[in-house]
PDBML (XML) file of the C-alpha atoms, coordinates in Angstrom:
<?xml version="1.0" encoding="UTF-8" ?>
<PDBx:datablock datablockName="MODEL"
   xmlns:PDBx="http://pdbml.pdb.org/schema/pdbx-v50.xsd"
   xmlns:xsi="http://www.w3.org/2001/XMLSchema-instance"
   xsi:schemaLocation="http://pdbml.pdb.org/schema/pdbx-v50.xsd pdbx-v50.xsd">
   <PDBx:atom_siteCategory>
      <PDBx:atom_site id="1">
         <PDBx:B_iso_or_equiv>0.00</PDBx:B_iso_or_equiv>
         <PDBx:Cartn_x>-2.466</PDBx:Cartn_x>
         <PDBx:Cartn_y>-7.239</PDBx:Cartn_y>
         <PDBx:Cartn_z>-2.359</PDBx:Cartn_z>
         <PDBx:auth_asym_id>A</PDBx:auth_asym_id>
         <PDBx:auth_atom_id>CA</PDBx:auth_atom_id>
         <PDBx:auth_comp_id>UNK</PDBx:auth_comp_id>
         <PDBx:auth_seq_id>1</PDBx:auth_seq_id>
         <PDBx:group_PDB>ATOM</PDBx:group_PDB>
         <PDBx:label_alt_id xsi:nil="true" />
         <PDBx:label_asym_id>A</PDBx:label_asym_id>
         <PDBx:label_atom_id>CA</PDBx:label_atom_id>
         <PDBx:label_comp_id>UNK</PDBx:label_comp_id>
         <PDBx:label_entity_id>1</PDBx:label_entity_id>
         <PDBx:label_seq_id>1</PDBx:label_seq_id>
         <PDBx:occupancy>1.00</PDBx:occupancy>
         <PDBx:pdbx_PDB_model_num>1</PDBx:pdbx_PDB_model_num>
         <PDBx:type_symbol>C</PDBx:type_symbol>
      </PDBx:atom_site>
      <PDBx:atom_site id="2">
         <PDBx:B_iso_or_equiv>0.00</PDBx:B_iso_or_equiv>
         <PDBx:Cartn_x>-0.318</PDBx:Cartn_x>
         <PDBx:Cartn_y>-6.016</PDBx:Cartn_y>
         <PDBx:Cartn_z>0.570</PDBx:Cartn_z>
         <PDBx:auth_asym_id>A</PDBx:auth_asym_id>
         <PDBx:auth_atom_id>CA</PDBx:auth_atom_id>
         <PDBx:auth_comp_id>UNK</PDBx:auth_comp_id>
         <PDBx:auth_seq_id>2</PDBx:auth_seq_id>
         <PDBx:group_PDB>ATOM</PDBx:group_PDB>
         <PDBx:label_alt_id xsi:nil="true" />
         <PDBx:label_asym_id>A</PDBx:label_asym_id>
         <PDBx:label_atom_id>CA</PDBx:label_atom_id>
         <PDBx:label_comp_id>UNK</PDBx:label_comp_id>
         <PDBx:label_entity_id>1</PDBx:label_entity_id>
         <PDBx:label_seq_id>2</PDBx:label_seq_id>
         <PDBx:occupancy>1.00</PDBx:occupancy>
         <PDBx:pdbx_PDB_model_num>1</PDBx:pdbx_PDB_model_num>
         <PDBx:type_symbol>C</PDBx:type_symbol>
      </PDBx:atom_site>
      <PDBx:atom_site id="3">
         <PDBx:B_iso_or_equiv>0.00</PDBx:B_iso_or_equiv>
         <PDBx:Cartn_x>2.933</PDBx:Cartn_x>
         <PDBx:Cartn_y>-7.431</PDBx:Cartn_y>
         <PDBx:Cartn_z>-0.796</PDBx:Cartn_z>
         <PDBx:auth_asym_id>A</PDBx:auth_asym_id>
         <PDBx:auth_atom_id>CA</PDBx:auth_atom_id>
         <PDBx:auth_comp_id>UNK</PDBx:auth_comp_id>
         <PDBx:auth_seq_id>3</PDBx:auth_seq_id>
         <PDBx:group_PDB>ATOM</PDBx:group_PDB>
         <PDBx:label_alt_id xsi:nil="true" />
         <PDBx:label_asym_id>A</PDBx:label_asym_id>
         <PDBx:label_atom_id>CA</PDBx:label_atom_id>
         <PDBx:label_comp_id>UNK</PDBx:label_comp_id>
         <PDBx:label_entity_id>1</PDBx:label_entity_id>
         <PDBx:label_seq_id>3</PDBx:label_seq_id>
         <PDBx:occupancy>1.00</PDBx:occupancy>
         <PDBx:pdbx_PDB_model_num>1</PDBx:pdbx_PDB_model_num>
         <PDBx:type_symbol>C</PDBx:type_symbol>
      </PDBx:atom_site>
      <PDBx:atom_site id="4">
         <PDBx:B_iso_or_equiv>0.00</PDBx:B_iso_or_equiv>
         <PDBx:Cartn_x>2.168</PDBx:Cartn_x>
         <PDBx:Cartn_y>-5.982</PDBx:Cartn_y>
         <PDBx:Cartn_z>-4.242</PDBx:Cartn_z>
         <PDBx:auth_asym_id>A</PDBx:auth_asym_id>
         <PDBx:auth_atom_id>CA</PDBx:auth_atom_id>
         <PDBx:auth_comp_id>UNK</PDBx:auth_comp_id>
         <PDBx:auth_seq_id>4</PDBx:auth_seq_id>
         <PDBx:group_PDB>ATOM</PDBx:group_PDB>
         <PDBx:label_alt_id xsi:nil="true" />
         <PDBx:label_asym_id>A</PDBx:label_asym_id>
         <PDBx:label_atom_id>CA</PDBx:label_atom_id>
         <PDBx:label_comp_id>UNK</PDBx:label_comp_id>
         <PDBx:label_entity_id>1</PDBx:label_entity_id>
         <PDBx:label_seq_id>4</PDBx:label_seq_id>
         <PDBx:occupancy>1.00</PDBx:occupancy>
         <PDBx:pdbx_PDB_model_num>1</PDBx:pdbx_PDB_model_num>
         <PDBx:type_symbol>C</PDBx:type_symbol>
      </PDBx:atom_site>
      <PDBx:atom_site id="5">
         <PDBx:B_iso_or_equiv>0.00</PDBx:B_iso_or_equiv>
         <PDBx:Cartn_x>1.654</PDBx:Cartn_x>
         <PDBx:Cartn_y>-2.508</PDBx:Cartn_y>
         <PDBx:Cartn_z>-2.826</PDBx:Cartn_z>
         <PDBx:auth_asym_id>A</PDBx:auth_asym_id>
         <PDBx:auth_atom_id>CA</PDBx:auth_atom_id>
         <PDBx:auth_comp_id>UNK</PDBx:auth_comp_id>
         <PDBx:auth_seq_id>5</PDBx:auth_seq_id>
         <PDBx:group_PDB>ATOM</PDBx:group_PDB>
         <PDBx:label_alt_id xsi:nil="true" />
         <PDBx:label_asym_id>A</PDBx:label_asym_id>
         <PDBx:label_atom_id>CA</PDBx:label_atom_id>
         <PDBx:label_comp_id>UNK</PDBx:label_comp_id>
         <PDBx:label_entity_id>1</PDBx:label_entity_id>
         <PDBx:label_seq_id>5</PDBx:label_seq_id>
         <PDBx:occupancy>1.00</PDBx:occupancy>
         <PDBx:pdbx_PDB_model_num>1</PDBx:pdbx_PDB_model_num>
         <PDBx:type_symbol>C</PDBx:type_symbol>
      </PDBx:atom_site>
      <PDBx:atom_site id="6">
         <PDBx:B_iso_or_equiv>0.00</PDBx:B_iso_or_equiv>
         <PDBx:Cartn_x>4.888</PDBx:Cartn_x>
         <PDBx:Cartn_y>-2.693</PDBx:Cartn_y>
         <PDBx:Cartn_z>-0.836</PDBx:Cartn_z>
         <PDBx:auth_asym_id>A</PDBx:auth_asym_id>
         <PDBx:auth_atom_id>CA</PDBx:auth_atom_id>
         <PDBx:auth_comp_id>UNK</PDBx:auth_comp_id>
         <PDBx:auth_seq_id>6</PDBx:auth_seq_id>
         <PDBx:group_PDB>ATOM</PDBx:group_PDB>
         <PDBx:label_alt_id xsi:nil="true" />
         <PDBx:label_asym_id>A</PDBx:label_asym_id>
         <PDBx:label_atom_id>CA</PDBx:label_atom_id>
         <PDBx:label_comp_id>UNK</PDBx:label_comp_id>
         <PDBx:label_entity_id>1</PDBx:label_entity_id>
         <PDBx:label_seq_id>6</PDBx:label_seq_id>
         <PDBx:occupancy>1.00</PDBx:occupancy>
         <PDBx:pdbx_PDB_model_num>1</PDBx:pdbx_PDB_model_num>
         <PDBx:type_symbol>C</PDBx:type_symbol>
      </PDBx:atom_site>
      <PDBx:atom_site id="7">
         <PDBx:B_iso_or_equiv>0.00</PDBx:B_iso_or_equiv>
         <PDBx:Cartn_x>6.693</PDBx:Cartn_x>
         <PDBx:Cartn_y>-3.825</PDBx:Cartn_y>
         <PDBx:Cartn_z>-3.972</PDBx:Cartn_z>
         <PDBx:auth_asym_id>A</PDBx:auth_asym_id>
         <PDBx:auth_atom_id>CA</PDBx:auth_atom_id>
         <PDBx:auth_comp_id>UNK</PDBx:auth_comp_id>
         <PDBx:auth_seq_id>7</PDBx:auth_seq_id>
         <PDBx:group_PDB>ATOM</PDBx:group_PDB>
         <PDBx:label_alt_id xsi:nil="true" />
         <PDBx:label_asym_id>A</PDBx:label_asym_id>
         <PDBx:label_atom_id>CA</PDBx:label_atom_id>
         <PDBx:label_comp_id>UNK</PDBx:label_comp_id>
         <PDBx:label_entity_id>1</PDBx:label_entity_id>
         <PDBx:label_seq_id>7</PDBx:label_seq_id>
         <PDBx:occupancy>1.00</PDBx:occupancy>
         <PDBx:pdbx_PDB_model_num>1</PDBx:pdbx_PDB_model_num>
         <PDBx:type_symbol>C</PDBx:type_symbol>
      </PDBx:atom_site>
      <PDBx:atom_site id="8">
         <PDBx:B_iso_or_equiv>0.00</PDBx:B_iso_or_equiv>
         <PDBx:Cartn_x>5.301</PDBx:Cartn_x>
         <PDBx:Cartn_y>-0.849</PDBx:Cartn_y>
         <PDBx:Cartn_z>-5.895</PDBx:Cartn_z>
         <PDBx:auth_asym_id>A</PDBx:auth_asym_id>
         <PDBx:auth_atom_id>CA</PDBx:auth_atom_id>
         <PDBx:auth_comp_id>UNK</PDBx:auth_comp_id>
         <PDBx:auth_seq_id>8</PDBx:auth_seq_id>
         <PDBx:group_PDB>ATOM</PDBx:group_PDB>
         <PDBx:label_alt_id xsi:nil="true" />
         <PDBx:label_asym_id>A</PDBx:label_asym_id>
         <PDBx:label_atom_id>CA</PDBx:label_atom_id>
         <PDBx:label_comp_id>UNK</PDBx:label_comp_id>
         <PDBx:label_entity_id>1</PDBx:label_entity_id>
         <PDBx:label_seq_id>8</PDBx:label_seq_id>
         <PDBx:occupancy>1.00</PDBx:occupancy>
         <PDBx:pdbx_PDB_model_num>1</PDBx:pdbx_PDB_model_num>
         <PDBx:type_symbol>C</PDBx:type_symbol>
      </PDBx:atom_site>
      <PDBx:atom_site id="9">
         <PDBx:B_iso_or_equiv>0.00</PDBx:B_iso_or_equiv>
         <PDBx:Cartn_x>6.532</PDBx:Cartn_x>
         <PDBx:Cartn_y>1.449</PDBx:Cartn_y>
         <PDBx:Cartn_z>-3.144</PDBx:Cartn_z>
         <PDBx:auth_asym_id>A</PDBx:auth_asym_id>
         <PDBx:auth_atom_id>CA</PDBx:auth_atom_id>
         <PDBx:auth_comp_id>UNK</PDBx:auth_comp_id>
         <PDBx:auth_seq_id>9</PDBx:auth_seq_id>
         <PDBx:group_PDB>ATOM</PDBx:group_PDB>
         <PDBx:label_alt_id xsi:nil="true" />
         <PDBx:label_asym_id>A</PDBx:label_asym_id>
         <PDBx:label_atom_id>CA</PDBx:label_atom_id>
         <PDBx:label_comp_id>UNK</PDBx:label_comp_id>
         <PDBx:label_entity_id>1</PDBx:label_entity_id>
         <PDBx:label_seq_id>9</PDBx:label_seq_id>
         <PDBx:occupancy>1.00</PDBx:occupancy>
         <PDBx:pdbx_PDB_model_num>1</PDBx:pdbx_PDB_model_num>
         <PDBx:type_symbol>C</PDBx:type_symbol>
      </PDBx:atom_site>
      <PDBx:atom_site id="10">
         <PDBx:B_iso_or_equiv>0.00</PDBx:B_iso_or_equiv>
         <PDBx:Cartn_x>9.984</PDBx:Cartn_x>
         <PDBx:Cartn_y>-0.111</PDBx:Cartn_y>
         <PDBx:Cartn_z>-3.229</PDBx:Cartn_z>
         <PDBx:auth_asym_id>A</PDBx:auth_asym_id>
         <PDBx:auth_atom_id>CA</PDBx:auth_atom_id>
         <PDBx:auth_comp_id>UNK</PDBx:auth_comp_id>
         <PDBx:auth_seq_id>10</PDBx:auth_seq_id>
         <PDBx:group_PDB>ATOM</PDBx:group_PDB>
         <PDBx:label_alt_id xsi:nil="true" />
         <PDBx:label_asym_id>A</PDBx:label_asym_id>
         <PDBx:label_atom_id>CA</PDBx:label_atom_id>
         <PDBx:label_comp_id>UNK</PDBx:label_comp_id>
         <PDBx:label_entity_id>1</PDBx:label_entity_id>
         <PDBx:label_seq_id>10</PDBx:label_seq_id>
         <PDBx:occupancy>1.00</PDBx:occupancy>
         <PDBx:pdbx_PDB_model_num>1</PDBx:pdbx_PDB_model_num>
         <PDBx:type_symbol>C</PDBx:type_symbol>
      </PDBx:atom_site>
      <PDBx:atom_site id="11">
         <PDBx:B_iso_or_equiv>0.00</PDBx:B_iso_or_equiv>
         <PDBx:Cartn_x>10.534</PDBx:Cartn_x>
         <PDBx:Cartn_y>-0.009</PDBx:Cartn_y>
         <PDBx:Cartn_z>-7.000</PDBx:Cartn_z>
         <PDBx:auth_asym_id>A</PDBx:auth_asym_id>
         <PDBx:auth_atom_id>CA</PDBx:auth_atom_id>
         <PDBx:auth_comp_id>UNK</PDBx:auth_comp_id>
         <PDBx:auth_seq_id>11</PDBx:auth_seq_id>
         <PDBx:group_PDB>ATOM</PDBx:group_PDB>
         <PDBx:label_alt_id xsi:nil="true" />
         <PDBx:label_asym_id>A</PDBx:label_asym_id>
         <PDBx:label_atom_id>CA</PDBx:label_atom_id>
         <PDBx:label_comp_id>UNK</PDBx:label_comp_id>
         <PDBx:label_entity_id>1</PDBx:label_entity_id>
         <PDBx:label_seq_id>11</PDBx:label_seq_id>
         <PDBx:occupancy>1.00</PDBx:occupancy>
         <PDBx:pdbx_PDB_model_num>1</PDBx:pdbx_PDB_model_num>
         <PDBx:type_symbol>C</PDBx:type_symbol>
      </PDBx:atom_site>
      <PDBx:atom_site id="12">
         <PDBx:B_iso_or_equiv>0.00</PDBx:B_iso_or_equiv>
         <PDBx:Cartn_x>9.198</PDBx:Cartn_x>
         <PDBx:Cartn_y>3.548</PDBx:Cartn_y>
         <PDBx:Cartn_z>-7.365</PDBx:Cartn_z>
         <PDBx:auth_asym_id>A</PDBx:auth_asym_id>
         <PDBx:auth_atom_id>CA</PDBx:auth_atom_id>
         <PDBx:auth_comp_id>UNK</PDBx:auth_comp_id>
         <PDBx:auth_seq_id>12</PDBx:auth_seq_id>
         <PDBx:group_PDB>ATOM</PDBx:group_PDB>
         <PDBx:label_alt_id xsi:nil="true" />
         <PDBx:label_asym_id>A</PDBx:label_asym_id>
         <PDBx:label_atom_id>CA</PDBx:label_atom_id>
         <PDBx:label_comp_id>UNK</PDBx:label_comp_id>
         <PDBx:label_entity_id>1</PDBx:label_entity_id>
         <PDBx:label_seq_id>12</PDBx:label_seq_id>
         <PDBx:occupancy>1.00</PDBx:occupancy>
         <PDBx:pdbx_PDB_model_num>1</PDBx:pdbx_PDB_model_num>
         <PDBx:type_symbol>C</PDBx:type_symbol>
      </PDBx:atom_site>
      <PDBx:atom_site id="13">
         <PDBx:B_iso_or_equiv>0.00</PDBx:B_iso_or_equiv>
         <PDBx:Cartn_x>10.778</PDBx:Cartn_x>
         <PDBx:Cartn_y>4.926</PDBx:Cartn_y>
         <PDBx:Cartn_z>-4.151</PDBx:Cartn_z>
         <PDBx:auth_asym_id>A</PDBx:auth_asym_id>
         <PDBx:auth_atom_id>CA</PDBx:auth_atom_id>
         <PDBx:auth_comp_id>UNK</PDBx:auth_comp_id>
         <PDBx:auth_seq_id>13</PDBx:auth_seq_id>
         <PDBx:group_PDB>ATOM</PDBx:group_PDB>
         <PDBx:label_alt_id xsi:nil="true" />
         <PDBx:label_asym_id>A</PDBx:label_asym_id>
         <PDBx:label_atom_id>CA</PDBx:label_atom_id>
         <PDBx:label_comp_id>UNK</PDBx:label_comp_id>
         <PDBx:label_entity_id>1</PDBx:label_entity_id>
         <PDBx:label_seq_id>13</PDBx:label_seq_id>
         <PDBx:occupancy>1.00</PDBx:occupancy>
         <PDBx:pdbx_PDB_model_num>1</PDBx:pdbx_PDB_model_num>
         <PDBx:type_symbol>C</PDBx:type_symbol>
      </PDBx:atom_site>
      <PDBx:atom_site id="14">
         <PDBx:B_iso_or_equiv>0.00</PDBx:B_iso_or_equiv>
         <PDBx:Cartn_x>7.544</PDBx:Cartn_x>
         <PDBx:Cartn_y>6.676</PDBx:Cartn_y>
         <PDBx:Cartn_z>-3.109</PDBx:Cartn_z>
         <PDBx:auth_asym_id>A</PDBx:auth_asym_id>
         <PDBx:auth_atom_id>CA</PDBx:auth_atom_id>
         <PDBx:auth_comp_id>UNK</PDBx:auth_comp_id>
         <PDBx:auth_seq_id>14</PDBx:auth_seq_id>
         <PDBx:group_PDB>ATOM</PDBx:group_PDB>
         <PDBx:label_alt_id xsi:nil="true" />
         <PDBx:label_asym_id>A</PDBx:label_asym_id>
         <PDBx:label_atom_id>CA</PDBx:label_atom_id>
         <PDBx:label_comp_id>UNK</PDBx:label_comp_id>
         <PDBx:label_entity_id>1</PDBx:label_entity_id>
         <PDBx:label_seq_id>14</PDBx:label_seq_id>
         <PDBx:occupancy>1.00</PDBx:occupancy>
         <PDBx:pdbx_PDB_model_num>1</PDBx:pdbx_PDB_model_num>
         <PDBx:type_symbol>C</PDBx:type_symbol>
      </PDBx:atom_site>
      <PDBx:atom_site id="15">
         <PDBx:B_iso_or_equiv>0.00</PDBx:B_iso_or_equiv>
         <PDBx:Cartn_x>8.207</PDBx:Cartn_x>
         <PDBx:Cartn_y>8.036</PDBx:Cartn_y>
         <PDBx:Cartn_z>0.414</PDBx:Cartn_z>
         <PDBx:auth_asym_id>A</PDBx:auth_asym_id>
         <PDBx:auth_atom_id>CA</PDBx:auth_atom_id>
         <PDBx:auth_comp_id>UNK</PDBx:auth_comp_id>
         <PDBx:auth_seq_id>15</PDBx:auth_seq_id>
         <PDBx:group_PDB>ATOM</PDBx:group_PDB>
         <PDBx:label_alt_id xsi:nil="true" />
         <PDBx:label_asym_id>A</PDBx:label_asym_id>
         <PDBx:label_atom_id>CA</PDBx:label_atom_id>
         <PDBx:label_comp_id>UNK</PDBx:label_comp_id>
         <PDBx:label_entity_id>1</PDBx:label_entity_id>
         <PDBx:label_seq_id>15</PDBx:label_seq_id>
         <PDBx:occupancy>1.00</PDBx:occupancy>
         <PDBx:pdbx_PDB_model_num>1</PDBx:pdbx_PDB_model_num>
         <PDBx:type_symbol>C</PDBx:type_symbol>
      </PDBx:atom_site>
      <PDBx:atom_site id="16">
         <PDBx:B_iso_or_equiv>0.00</PDBx:B_iso_or_equiv>
         <PDBx:Cartn_x>4.611</PDBx:Cartn_x>
         <PDBx:Cartn_y>7.623</PDBx:Cartn_y>
         <PDBx:Cartn_z>1.652</PDBx:Cartn_z>
         <PDBx:auth_asym_id>A</PDBx:auth_asym_id>
         <PDBx:auth_atom_id>CA</PDBx:auth_atom_id>
         <PDBx:auth_comp_id>UNK</PDBx:auth_comp_id>
         <PDBx:auth_seq_id>16</PDBx:auth_seq_id>
         <PDBx:group_PDB>ATOM</PDBx:group_PDB>
         <PDBx:label_alt_id xsi:nil="true" />
         <PDBx:label_asym_id>A</PDBx:label_asym_id>
         <PDBx:label_atom_id>CA</PDBx:label_atom_id>
         <PDBx:label_comp_id>UNK</PDBx:label_comp_id>
         <PDBx:label_entity_id>1</PDBx:label_entity_id>
         <PDBx:label_seq_id>16</PDBx:label_seq_id>
         <PDBx:occupancy>1.00</PDBx:occupancy>
         <PDBx:pdbx_PDB_model_num>1</PDBx:pdbx_PDB_model_num>
         <PDBx:type_symbol>C</PDBx:type_symbol>
      </PDBx:atom_site>
      <PDBx:atom_site id="17">
         <PDBx:B_iso_or_equiv>0.00</PDBx:B_iso_or_equiv>
         <PDBx:Cartn_x>1.753</PDBx:Cartn_x>
         <PDBx:Cartn_y>5.275</PDBx:Cartn_y>
         <PDBx:Cartn_z>0.734</PDBx:Cartn_z>
         <PDBx:auth_asym_id>A</PDBx:auth_asym_id>
         <PDBx:auth_atom_id>CA</PDBx:auth_atom_id>
         <PDBx:auth_comp_id>UNK</PDBx:auth_comp_id>
         <PDBx:auth_seq_id>17</PDBx:auth_seq_id>
         <PDBx:group_PDB>ATOM</PDBx:group_PDB>
         <PDBx:label_alt_id xsi:nil="true" />
         <PDBx:label_asym_id>A</PDBx:label_asym_id>
         <PDBx:label_atom_id>CA</PDBx:label_atom_id>
         <PDBx:label_comp_id>UNK</PDBx:label_comp_id>
         <PDBx:label_entity_id>1</PDBx:label_entity_id>
         <PDBx:label_seq_id>17</PDBx:label_seq_id>
         <PDBx:occupancy>1.00</PDBx:occupancy>
         <PDBx:pdbx_PDB_model_num>1</PDBx:pdbx_PDB_model_num>
         <PDBx:type_symbol>C</PDBx:type_symbol>
      </PDBx:atom_site>
      <PDBx:atom_site id="18">
         <PDBx:B_iso_or_equiv>0.00</PDBx:B_iso_or_equiv>
         <PDBx:Cartn_x>-1.701</PDBx:Cartn_x>
         <PDBx:Cartn_y>5.514</PDBx:Cartn_y>
         <PDBx:Cartn_z>2.309</PDBx:Cartn_z>
         <PDBx:auth_asym_id>A</PDBx:auth_asym_id>
         <PDBx:auth_atom_id>CA</PDBx:auth_atom_id>
         <PDBx:auth_comp_id>UNK</PDBx:auth_comp_id>
         <PDBx:auth_seq_id>18</PDBx:auth_seq_id>
         <PDBx:group_PDB>ATOM</PDBx:group_PDB>
         <PDBx:label_alt_id xsi:nil="true" />
         <PDBx:label_asym_id>A</PDBx:label_asym_id>
         <PDBx:label_atom_id>CA</PDBx:label_atom_id>
         <PDBx:label_comp_id>UNK</PDBx:label_comp_id>
         <PDBx:label_entity_id>1</PDBx:label_entity_id>
         <PDBx:label_seq_id>18</PDBx:label_seq_id>
         <PDBx:occupancy>1.00</PDBx:occupancy>
         <PDBx:pdbx_PDB_model_num>1</PDBx:pdbx_PDB_model_num>
         <PDBx:type_symbol>C</PDBx:type_symbol>
      </PDBx:atom_site>
      <PDBx:atom_site id="19">
         <PDBx:B_iso_or_equiv>0.00</PDBx:B_iso_or_equiv>
         <PDBx:Cartn_x>-4.664</PDBx:Cartn_x>
         <PDBx:Cartn_y>3.186</PDBx:Cartn_y>
         <PDBx:Cartn_z>1.763</PDBx:Cartn_z>
         <PDBx:auth_asym_id>A</PDBx:auth_asym_id>
         <PDBx:auth_atom_id>CA</PDBx:auth_atom_id>
         <PDBx:auth_comp_id>UNK</PDBx:auth_comp_id>
         <PDBx:auth_seq_id>19</PDBx:auth_seq_id>
         <PDBx:group_PDB>ATOM</PDBx:group_PDB>
         <PDBx:label_alt_id xsi:nil="true" />
         <PDBx:label_asym_id>A</PDBx:label_asym_id>
         <PDBx:label_atom_id>CA</PDBx:label_atom_id>
         <PDBx:label_comp_id>UNK</PDBx:label_comp_id>
         <PDBx:label_entity_id>1</PDBx:label_entity_id>
         <PDBx:label_seq_id>19</PDBx:label_seq_id>
         <PDBx:occupancy>1.00</PDBx:occupancy>
         <PDBx:pdbx_PDB_model_num>1</PDBx:pdbx_PDB_model_num>
         <PDBx:type_symbol>C</PDBx:type_symbol>
      </PDBx:atom_site>
      <PDBx:atom_site id="20">
         <PDBx:B_iso_or_equiv>0.00</PDBx:B_iso_or_equiv>
         <PDBx:Cartn_x>-8.246</PDBx:Cartn_x>
         <PDBx:Cartn_y>3.240</PDBx:Cartn_y>
         <PDBx:Cartn_z>3.038</PDBx:Cartn_z>
         <PDBx:auth_asym_id>A</PDBx:auth_asym_id>
         <PDBx:auth_atom_id>CA</PDBx:auth_atom_id>
         <PDBx:auth_comp_id>UNK</PDBx:auth_comp_id>
         <PDBx:auth_seq_id>20</PDBx:auth_seq_id>
         <PDBx:group_PDB>ATOM</PDBx:group_PDB>
         <PDBx:label_alt_id xsi:nil="true" />
         <PDBx:label_asym_id>A</PDBx:label_asym_id>
         <PDBx:label_atom_id>CA</PDBx:label_atom_id>
         <PDBx:label_comp_id>UNK</PDBx:label_comp_id>
         <PDBx:label_entity_id>1</PDBx:label_entity_id>
         <PDBx:label_seq_id>20</PDBx:label_seq_id>
         <PDBx:occupancy>1.00</PDBx:occupancy>
         <PDBx:pdbx_PDB_model_num>1</PDBx:pdbx_PDB_model_num>
         <PDBx:type_symbol>C</PDBx:type_symbol>
      </PDBx:atom_site>
      <PDBx:atom_site id="21">
         <PDBx:B_iso_or_equiv>0.00</PDBx:B_iso_or_equiv>
         <PDBx:Cartn_x>-10.310</PDBx:Cartn_x>
         <PDBx:Cartn_y>0.288</PDBx:Cartn_y>
         <PDBx:Cartn_z>4.258</PDBx:Cartn_z>
         <PDBx:auth_asym_id>A</PDBx:auth_asym_id>
         <PDBx:auth_atom_id>CA</PDBx:auth_atom_id>
         <PDBx:auth_comp_id>UNK</PDBx:auth_comp_id>
         <PDBx:auth_seq_id>21</PDBx:auth_seq_id>
         <PDBx:group_PDB>ATOM</PDBx:group_PDB>
         <PDBx:label_alt_id xsi:nil="true" />
         <PDBx:label_asym_id>A</PDBx:label_asym_id>
         <PDBx:label_atom_id>CA</PDBx:label_atom_id>
         <PDBx:label_comp_id>UNK</PDBx:label_comp_id>
         <PDBx:label_entity_id>1</PDBx:label_entity_id>
         <PDBx:label_seq_id>21</PDBx:label_seq_id>
         <PDBx:occupancy>1.00</PDBx:occupancy>
         <PDBx:pdbx_PDB_model_num>1</PDBx:pdbx_PDB_model_num>
         <PDBx:type_symbol>C</PDBx:type_symbol>
      </PDBx:atom_site>
      <PDBx:atom_site id="22">
         <PDBx:B_iso_or_equiv>0.00</PDBx:B_iso_or_equiv>
         <PDBx:Cartn_x>-13.951</PDBx:Cartn_x>
         <PDBx:Cartn_y>-0.169</PDBx:Cartn_y>
         <PDBx:Cartn_z>5.225</PDBx:Cartn_z>
         <PDBx:auth_asym_id>A</PDBx:auth_asym_id>
         <PDBx:auth_atom_id>CA</PDBx:auth_atom_id>
         <PDBx:auth_comp_id>UNK</PDBx:auth_comp_id>
         <PDBx:auth_seq_id>22</PDBx:auth_seq_id>
         <PDBx:group_PDB>ATOM</PDBx:group_PDB>
         <PDBx:label_alt_id xsi:nil="true" />
         <PDBx:label_asym_id>A</PDBx:label_asym_id>
         <PDBx:label_atom_id>CA</PDBx:label_atom_id>
         <PDBx:label_comp_id>UNK</PDBx:label_comp_id>
         <PDBx:label_entity_id>1</PDBx:label_entity_id>
         <PDBx:label_seq_id>22</PDBx:label_seq_id>
         <PDBx:occupancy>1.00</PDBx:occupancy>
         <PDBx:pdbx_PDB_model_num>1</PDBx:pdbx_PDB_model_num>
         <PDBx:type_symbol>C</PDBx:type_symbol>
      </PDBx:atom_site>
      <PDBx:atom_site id="23">
         <PDBx:B_iso_or_equiv>0.00</PDBx:B_iso_or_equiv>
         <PDBx:Cartn_x>-14.864</PDBx:Cartn_x>
         <PDBx:Cartn_y>-1.971</PDBx:Cartn_y>
         <PDBx:Cartn_z>8.458</PDBx:Cartn_z>
         <PDBx:auth_asym_id>A</PDBx:auth_asym_id>
         <PDBx:auth_atom_id>CA</PDBx:auth_atom_id>
         <PDBx:auth_comp_id>UNK</PDBx:auth_comp_id>
         <PDBx:auth_seq_id>23</PDBx:auth_seq_id>
         <PDBx:group_PDB>ATOM</PDBx:group_PDB>
         <PDBx:label_alt_id xsi:nil="true" />
         <PDBx:label_asym_id>A</PDBx:label_asym_id>
         <PDBx:label_atom_id>CA</PDBx:label_atom_id>
         <PDBx:label_comp_id>UNK</PDBx:label_comp_id>
         <PDBx:label_entity_id>1</PDBx:label_entity_id>
         <PDBx:label_seq_id>23</PDBx:label_seq_id>
         <PDBx:occupancy>1.00</PDBx:occupancy>
         <PDBx:pdbx_PDB_model_num>1</PDBx:pdbx_PDB_model_num>
         <PDBx:type_symbol>C</PDBx:type_symbol>
      </PDBx:atom_site>
      <PDBx:atom_site id="24">
         <PDBx:B_iso_or_equiv>0.00</PDBx:B_iso_or_equiv>
         <PDBx:Cartn_x>-16.571</PDBx:Cartn_x>
         <PDBx:Cartn_y>-5.265</PDBx:Cartn_y>
         <PDBx:Cartn_z>9.183</PDBx:Cartn_z>
         <PDBx:auth_asym_id>A</PDBx:auth_asym_id>
         <PDBx:auth_atom_id>CA</PDBx:auth_atom_id>
         <PDBx:auth_comp_id>UNK</PDBx:auth_comp_id>
         <PDBx:auth_seq_id>24</PDBx:auth_seq_id>
         <PDBx:group_PDB>ATOM</PDBx:group_PDB>
         <PDBx:label_alt_id xsi:nil="true" />
         <PDBx:label_asym_id>A</PDBx:label_asym_id>
         <PDBx:label_atom_id>CA</PDBx:label_atom_id>
         <PDBx:label_comp_id>UNK</PDBx:label_comp_id>
         <PDBx:label_entity_id>1</PDBx:label_entity_id>
         <PDBx:label_seq_id>24</PDBx:label_seq_id>
         <PDBx:occupancy>1.00</PDBx:occupancy>
         <PDBx:pdbx_PDB_model_num>1</PDBx:pdbx_PDB_model_num>
         <PDBx:type_symbol>C</PDBx:type_symbol>
      </PDBx:atom_site>
      <PDBx:atom_site id="25">
         <PDBx:B_iso_or_equiv>0.00</PDBx:B_iso_or_equiv>
         <PDBx:Cartn_x>-19.689</PDBx:Cartn_x>
         <PDBx:Cartn_y>-5.695</PDBx:Cartn_y>
         <PDBx:Cartn_z>11.318</PDBx:Cartn_z>
         <PDBx:auth_asym_id>A</PDBx:auth_asym_id>
         <PDBx:auth_atom_id>CA</PDBx:auth_atom_id>
         <PDBx:auth_comp_id>UNK</PDBx:auth_comp_id>
         <PDBx:auth_seq_id>25</PDBx:auth_seq_id>
         <PDBx:group_PDB>ATOM</PDBx:group_PDB>
         <PDBx:label_alt_id xsi:nil="true" />
         <PDBx:label_asym_id>A</PDBx:label_asym_id>
         <PDBx:label_atom_id>CA</PDBx:label_atom_id>
         <PDBx:label_comp_id>UNK</PDBx:label_comp_id>
         <PDBx:label_entity_id>1</PDBx:label_entity_id>
         <PDBx:label_seq_id>25</PDBx:label_seq_id>
         <PDBx:occupancy>1.00</PDBx:occupancy>
         <PDBx:pdbx_PDB_model_num>1</PDBx:pdbx_PDB_model_num>
         <PDBx:type_symbol>C</PDBx:type_symbol>
      </PDBx:atom_site>
   </PDBx:atom_siteCategory>
</PDBx:datablock>
């Protein structure tokens, strides 16, 4: 989930996080 990923970034101090998404019709 979005808030989970942000939390991971905060507690690990990773400077950059990138995620990919498919598209809808």
